[in-house]
Amino acid sequence: MNQDNALAINDLSFSYGSKKALDCVAINVNAGECAVLLGPNGAGKSTLFALITRLYDAREGQIQLCGFDVKKQTGRALAKLGVVFQQTTLDLDLTVMQNLTYHAALHGLGRKLARERIRQELERLNMYDRRFEKIRQLNGGHRRRVEIARALLHKPSLLLLDEPTVGLDVPSRQAIVDYVHGLTKEENLAVLWASHLIDEIYPEDRLIVLHKGRIKASGSINEVLQAADKPSIKEAFYALTQEAQV
């Protein structure tokens, strides 16, 4: 296995009863790479994330995080993972500091190290001055910043983002997109970003188009455009997802 390979998914399939949600999915994400998982609602993005995080158990296929099998070496694999789910999971009645301190303790970080990491992550997100505010006092964009800080406290190798900008205003959305892309370069972090918003894709990103549980195209933006024989991501995305319905 490639040492830089943070996520390796091979022949992954999953069904809800008789309905197939994922069909022979294969994805690799390397350190320092942002891979955007682009798909319409119902494409299978959230199911894929649930399998990576072990909320669901995959019976077909294999998922590895930094070389650790998610099913056979669950603890070691998930220790490499940071996650921001689509629905917020912060405790609204606790402060920013309390939420992050609790999460740091779950990952076995000592008090001194936890304080240092919390300060570091909140300062990078311009949230340190708000550390003693309750979560319910923050707007949606600031809550997302806290969730990203929380996901990074234990220095993961892979960050999963499940449509983290849904419902945010344009400035908040852009700030988060810029910040996460900066992390891939500064921290050599691997990112898998699920989205249905084309303007969140950067030119250097790797693009994975998922539709009805199948990967329709994967590669650099140019490679996806060539596969769809279209001049823009918008047209390529439309062609790849519409052709699958014919």
Protein backbone atom coordinates (compact mmCIF):
# COMPACT_ATOMS: atom_id res chain seq x y z
CA MET A 1 0.00 0.00 0.00
CA ASN A 2 1.13 3.56 -0.78
CA GLN A 3 2.44 5.14 2.44
CA ASP A 4 0.72 8.41 1.50
CA ASN A 5 -2.62 6.63 1.10
CA ALA A 6 -4.87 7.93 3.90
CA LEU A 7 -8.05 6.26 2.63
CA ALA A 8 -8.35 3.16 0.47
CA ILE A 9 -11.78 1.77 -0.41
CA ASN A 10 -12.07 -1.31 -2.60
CA ASP A 11 -15.16 -3.07 -4.04
CA LEU A 12 -17.46 -1.54 -1.42
CA SER A 13 -21.15 -2.38 -1.73
CA PHE A 14 -24.03 -1.82 0.66
CA SER A 15 -27.79 -2.35 0.53
CA TYR A 16 -30.81 -1.27 2.54
CA GLY A 17 -32.86 -4.43 2.21
CA SER A 18 -33.32 -4.95 -1.54
CA LYS A 19 -32.21 -1.40 -2.42
CA LYS A 20 -28.53 -1.09 -3.34
CA ALA A 21 -27.08 2.14 -1.94
CA LEU A 22 -23.45 1.57 -3.02
CA ASP A 23 -22.25 -0.67 -5.82
CA CYS A 24 -18.57 -1.73 -6.08
CA VAL A 25 -17.21 1.66 -4.99
CA ALA A 26 -13.42 2.20 -5.08
CA ILE A 27 -11.82 5.41 -3.76
CA ASN A 28 -8.28 6.40 -2.77
CA VAL A 29 -7.34 9.67 -1.07
CA ASN A 30 -3.71 10.56 -0.44
CA ALA A 31 -2.05 12.81 2.14
CA GLY A 32 -2.15 16.45 1.08
CA GLU A 33 -5.07 15.86 -1.27
CA CYS A 34 -8.61 17.20 -1.24
CA ALA A 35 -11.01 14.84 -2.96
CA VAL A 36 -14.50 16.20 -3.58
CA LEU A 37 -17.25 13.60 -3.62
CA LEU A 38 -19.85 15.22 -5.84
CA GLY A 39 -23.31 13.76 -6.13
CA PRO A 40 -26.99 14.70 -6.07
CA ASN A 41 -29.18 13.93 -3.07
CA GLY A 42 -29.58 10.17 -2.69
CA ALA A 43 -26.33 9.39 -4.51
CA GLY A 44 -24.96 7.41 -1.56
CA LYS A 45 -22.59 9.99 -0.06
CA SER A 46 -23.92 9.80 3.50
CA THR A 47 -24.07 5.99 3.34
CA LEU A 48 -20.42 5.92 2.30
CA PHE A 49 -19.47 8.15 5.24
CA ALA A 50 -21.47 5.99 7.65
CA LEU A 51 -19.49 2.95 6.47
CA ILE A 52 -16.12 4.70 6.77
CA THR A 53 -16.93 5.81 10.33
CA ARG A 54 -18.39 2.40 11.26
CA LEU A 55 -21.87 3.71 11.97
CA TYR A 56 -22.82 0.98 9.50
CA ASP A 57 -21.00 -2.30 8.98
CA ALA A 58 -19.89 -3.15 5.46
CA ARG A 59 -20.29 -6.82 4.53
CA GLU A 60 -18.90 -6.41 1.02
CA GLY A 61 -15.59 -4.75 0.24
CA GLN A 62 -12.78 -3.22 2.29
CA ILE A 63 -12.06 0.17 3.87
CA GLN A 64 -8.59 1.07 5.13
CA LEU A 65 -7.48 4.20 6.97
CA CYS A 66 -3.71 4.70 6.82
CA GLY A 67 -3.31 0.97 6.22
CA PHE A 68 -5.60 -0.11 9.09
CA ASP A 69 -8.68 -2.14 8.21
CA VAL A 70 -11.78 -0.39 9.58
CA LYS A 71 -13.50 -3.69 10.37
CA LYS A 72 -10.55 -5.68 11.75
CA GLN A 73 -8.54 -2.85 13.36
CA THR A 74 -11.35 -0.47 14.21
CA GLY A 75 -9.71 1.47 17.06
CA ARG A 76 -6.43 2.10 15.26
CA ALA A 77 -8.21 2.99 12.02
CA LEU A 78 -10.69 5.45 13.51
CA ALA A 79 -7.92 7.14 15.51
CA LYS A 80 -6.67 8.43 12.15
CA LEU A 81 -10.02 9.98 11.31
CA GLY A 82 -11.63 13.37 11.94
CA VAL A 83 -15.29 13.86 10.99
CA VAL A 84 -17.71 16.74 10.48
CA PHE A 85 -21.19 15.37 9.87
CA GLN A 86 -23.93 17.21 7.99
CA GLN A 87 -26.05 17.52 11.12
CA THR A 88 -24.39 19.30 14.04
CA THR A 89 -23.35 17.07 16.96
CA LEU A 90 -22.22 19.78 19.37
CA ASP A 91 -23.88 20.11 22.79
CA LEU A 92 -25.74 23.42 22.52
CA ASP A 93 -25.81 24.00 26.29
CA LEU A 94 -22.04 23.64 26.74
CA THR A 95 -19.45 26.26 25.87
CA VAL A 96 -17.05 25.94 22.97
CA MET A 97 -14.29 25.06 25.45
CA GLN A 98 -16.39 22.43 27.21
CA ASN A 99 -17.34 20.74 23.93
CA LEU A 100 -13.73 20.59 22.78
CA THR A 101 -12.33 19.53 26.16
CA TYR A 102 -14.79 16.63 26.32
CA HIS A 103 -13.82 15.49 22.82
CA ALA A 104 -10.11 15.74 23.62
CA ALA A 105 -10.64 13.53 26.67
CA LEU A 106 -12.39 10.91 24.52
CA HIS A 107 -9.22 10.75 22.42
CA GLY A 108 -7.04 10.36 25.51
CA LEU A 109 -5.38 13.77 25.33
CA GLY A 110 -3.99 15.02 28.66
CA ARG A 111 -5.23 18.35 30.05
CA LYS A 112 -2.15 20.37 29.11
CA LEU A 113 -1.96 18.97 25.58
CA ALA A 114 -5.72 19.38 25.15
CA ARG A 115 -5.54 23.07 26.14
CA GLU A 116 -2.68 23.63 23.69
CA ARG A 117 -4.47 21.89 20.82
CA ILE A 118 -7.76 23.68 21.53
CA ARG A 119 -6.04 27.07 21.57
CA GLN A 120 -4.15 26.25 18.37
CA GLU A 121 -7.21 25.12 16.42
CA LEU A 122 -9.50 27.89 17.64
CA GLU A 123 -6.91 30.58 16.92
CA ARG A 124 -6.48 29.29 13.36
CA LEU A 125 -10.24 29.61 12.92
CA ASN A 126 -10.46 33.03 14.64
CA MET A 127 -12.66 31.53 17.37
CA TYR A 128 -10.41 31.59 20.45
CA ASP A 129 -11.98 34.76 21.85
CA ARG A 130 -15.35 33.01 21.83
CA ARG A 131 -14.23 29.88 23.69
CA PHE A 132 -16.39 30.56 26.73
CA GLU A 133 -19.61 31.19 24.78
CA LYS A 134 -22.31 28.53 24.67
CA ILE A 135 -22.78 26.84 21.30
CA ARG A 136 -26.39 28.00 21.06
CA GLN A 137 -25.12 31.62 21.08
CA LEU A 138 -23.12 31.03 17.87
CA ASN A 139 -24.39 31.32 14.32
CA GLY A 140 -24.22 28.40 11.87
CA GLY A 141 -20.87 29.37 10.40
CA HIS A 142 -19.20 29.68 13.80
CA ARG A 143 -20.65 26.36 14.94
CA ARG A 144 -19.13 24.74 11.86
CA ARG A 145 -15.75 26.24 12.74
CA VAL A 146 -15.99 24.69 16.20
CA GLU A 147 -16.85 21.31 14.67
CA ILE A 148 -13.84 21.51 12.35
CA ALA A 149 -11.61 22.46 15.29
CA ARG A 150 -12.98 19.49 17.23
CA ALA A 151 -12.32 17.11 14.34
CA LEU A 152 -8.67 18.21 14.18
CA LEU A 153 -7.77 18.10 17.91
CA HIS A 154 -6.24 14.62 17.76
CA LYS A 155 -4.26 15.38 14.57
CA PRO A 156 -6.05 12.98 12.20
CA SER A 157 -4.60 11.93 8.86
CA LEU A 158 -7.98 12.06 7.10
CA LEU A 159 -10.76 14.62 7.50
CA LEU A 160 -14.27 13.65 6.37
CA LEU A 161 -16.68 16.50 5.67
CA ASP A 162 -20.29 15.59 4.91
CA GLU A 163 -21.75 18.68 3.20
CA PRO A 164 -20.50 20.96 6.02
CA THR A 165 -21.60 24.22 4.38
CA VAL A 166 -25.29 23.38 3.92
CA GLY A 167 -27.43 26.26 5.16
CA LEU A 168 -24.55 28.73 5.58
CA ASP A 169 -24.38 32.17 3.99
CA VAL A 170 -21.89 32.73 1.17
CA PRO A 171 -19.10 34.40 3.24
CA SER A 172 -19.23 31.68 5.90
CA ARG A 173 -19.25 28.98 3.26
CA GLN A 174 -16.30 30.47 1.40
CA ALA A 175 -14.29 30.91 4.60
CA ILE A 176 -14.69 27.21 5.46
CA VAL A 177 -13.88 26.05 1.92
CA ASP A 178 -10.72 28.19 1.87
CA TYR A 179 -9.66 27.04 5.32
CA VAL A 180 -10.01 23.34 4.61
CA HIS A 181 -8.13 23.61 1.33
CA GLY A 182 -5.36 25.43 3.17
CA LEU A 183 -5.08 22.53 5.63
CA THR A 184 -4.30 20.05 2.87
CA LYS A 185 -1.16 22.02 2.03
CA GLU A 186 -0.11 23.24 5.49
CA GLU A 187 -0.78 20.01 7.42
CA ASN A 188 -0.45 17.47 4.57
CA LEU A 189 -3.97 16.43 5.52
CA ALA A 190 -6.11 14.17 3.34
CA VAL A 191 -9.68 15.44 2.89
CA LEU A 192 -12.79 13.74 1.53
CA TRP A 193 -15.45 16.44 1.09
CA ALA A 194 -18.98 15.37 0.16
CA SER A 195 -20.88 18.11 -1.63
CA HIS A 196 -23.43 18.89 -4.31
CA LEU A 197 -22.12 22.45 -4.77
CA ILE A 198 -19.85 22.87 -7.77
CA ASP A 199 -18.40 26.19 -6.60
CA GLU A 200 -16.75 24.41 -3.65
CA ILE A 201 -14.37 22.59 -6.01
CA TYR A 202 -10.87 24.04 -6.43
CA PRO A 203 -8.84 23.56 -9.64
CA GLU A 204 -6.31 21.28 -7.92
CA ASP A 205 -8.94 19.04 -6.30
CA ARG A 206 -9.59 15.47 -7.30
CA LEU A 207 -13.19 14.97 -8.29
CA ILE A 208 -15.30 11.86 -7.68
CA VAL A 209 -18.79 11.84 -9.22
CA LEU A 210 -21.15 9.48 -7.43
CA HIS A 211 -24.66 8.73 -8.68
CA LYS A 212 -27.10 6.03 -7.57
CA GLY A 213 -24.36 4.31 -5.60
CA ARG A 214 -21.87 4.08 -8.46
CA ILE A 215 -18.81 6.13 -9.30
CA LYS A 216 -19.42 7.64 -12.73
CA ALA A 217 -16.04 9.39 -13.04
CA SER A 218 -12.95 9.97 -10.89
CA GLY A 219 -9.72 11.92 -11.35
CA SER A 220 -8.49 15.46 -11.90
CA ILE A 221 -11.01 17.99 -13.13
CA ASN A 222 -9.60 17.71 -16.65
CA GLU A 223 -9.90 13.93 -16.55
CA VAL A 224 -13.54 14.12 -15.46
CA LEU A 225 -14.30 16.68 -18.18
CA GLN A 226 -12.71 14.40 -20.76
CA ALA A 227 -14.65 11.38 -19.48
CA ALA A 228 -17.90 13.29 -19.87
CA ASP A 229 -16.76 15.08 -23.03
CA LYS A 230 -17.96 18.40 -21.64
CA PRO A 231 -16.27 21.82 -21.25
CA SER A 232 -17.38 22.61 -17.66
CA ILE A 233 -17.88 20.78 -14.37
CA LYS A 234 -21.54 21.76 -14.33
CA GLU A 235 -22.17 20.26 -17.76
CA ALA A 236 -20.05 17.18 -16.98
CA PHE A 237 -21.90 16.57 -13.73
CA TYR A 238 -25.27 16.91 -15.44
CA ALA A 239 -24.26 14.58 -18.26
CA LEU A 240 -22.81 11.91 -15.96
CA THR A 241 -25.80 11.85 -13.63
CA GLN A 242 -28.44 12.10 -16.36
CA GLU A 243 -26.95 9.41 -18.56
CA ALA A 244 -27.16 7.02 -15.63
CA GLN A 245 -30.92 7.44 -15.58
CA VAL A 246 -31.46 6.50 -19.24
